[in-house]
Amino acid sequence: MAKKKKSEDFASKNIVFNLDNLERKLLKYHPSTREVEIKTQGEKGVQRIPFAHVPKEIKEIIRPL
């Protein structure tokens, strides 16, 4: 069985980006599932979206291996 990689926490870095005309904040990156956790400004709860849906400038910050 493959070894699970630990998720990377980006909540303290305050990385904010626009996606679908909404301001979103990057919280965590999960390398084992290639998903990111984001929080939309003004809404409750956290969403998980695929890494491929994140803007290019944010992907450069995360730099998955």
Protein backbone atom coordinates (compact mmCIF):
# COMPACT_ATOMS: atom_id res chain seq x y z
CA MET A 1 0.00 0.00 0.00
CA ALA A 2 1.24 3.47 -0.84
CA LYS A 3 2.44 5.75 1.92
CA LYS A 4 0.08 8.65 2.67
CA LYS A 5 1.63 12.09 2.40
CA LYS A 6 0.84 14.68 5.05
CA SER A 7 -1.34 17.62 4.11
CA GLU A 8 0.28 21.05 3.92
CA ASP A 9 -1.33 23.86 5.90
CA PHE A 10 -1.53 27.26 4.15
CA ALA A 11 -4.09 28.95 6.43
CA SER A 12 -1.45 31.04 8.23
CA LYS A 13 0.00 32.34 4.93
CA ASN A 14 -3.27 34.11 4.01
CA ILE A 15 -3.28 33.12 0.30
CA VAL A 16 -6.36 34.67 -1.33
CA PHE A 17 -7.43 34.26 -4.97
CA ASN A 18 -10.47 34.79 -7.19
CA LEU A 19 -12.30 31.83 -8.69
CA ASP A 20 -15.67 32.20 -10.44
CA ASN A 21 -15.76 35.89 -9.40
CA LEU A 22 -15.65 34.95 -5.70
CA GLU A 23 -12.77 35.62 -3.33
CA ARG A 24 -11.44 32.39 -1.81
CA LYS A 25 -8.76 31.57 0.76
CA LEU A 26 -6.46 28.56 0.48
CA LEU A 27 -6.42 26.49 3.68
CA LYS A 28 -4.78 23.11 2.98
CA TYR A 29 -3.33 21.00 0.20
CA HIS A 30 -3.77 17.22 0.33
CA PRO A 31 -1.06 15.63 -1.87
CA SER A 32 -2.39 12.07 -1.58
CA THR A 33 -5.74 13.04 -3.17
CA ARG A 34 -4.44 16.11 -5.11
CA GLU A 35 -7.18 18.33 -3.62
CA VAL A 36 -7.16 21.70 -1.89
CA GLU A 37 -9.38 22.97 0.90
CA ILE A 38 -10.71 26.47 0.33
CA LYS A 39 -12.99 28.82 2.19
CA THR A 40 -15.17 31.28 0.30
CA GLN A 41 -15.34 34.78 1.81
CA GLY A 42 -18.74 35.44 3.35
CA GLU A 43 -19.80 31.77 3.48
CA LYS A 44 -19.59 29.18 6.22
CA GLY A 45 -17.85 25.87 5.77
CA VAL A 46 -14.93 24.57 3.78
CA GLN A 47 -14.91 23.12 0.26
CA ARG A 48 -12.51 20.62 -1.29
CA ILE A 49 -11.76 21.11 -4.97
CA PRO A 50 -9.32 19.36 -7.32
CA PHE A 51 -5.85 20.87 -7.56
CA ALA A 52 -6.32 21.27 -11.33
CA HIS A 53 -9.07 23.88 -10.76
CA VAL A 54 -6.78 26.25 -8.85
CA PRO A 55 -5.31 29.25 -10.75
CA LYS A 56 -1.75 28.89 -12.07
CA GLU A 57 -0.24 31.50 -9.74
CA ILE A 58 -1.53 29.55 -6.71
CA LYS A 59 -0.20 26.27 -8.12
CA GLU A 60 3.27 27.83 -8.26
CA ILE A 61 3.04 28.67 -4.54
CA ILE A 62 1.98 25.14 -3.58
CA ARG A 63 4.51 23.36 -5.86
CA PRO A 64 3.50 19.72 -5.34
CA LEU A 65 6.14 17.05 -5.83
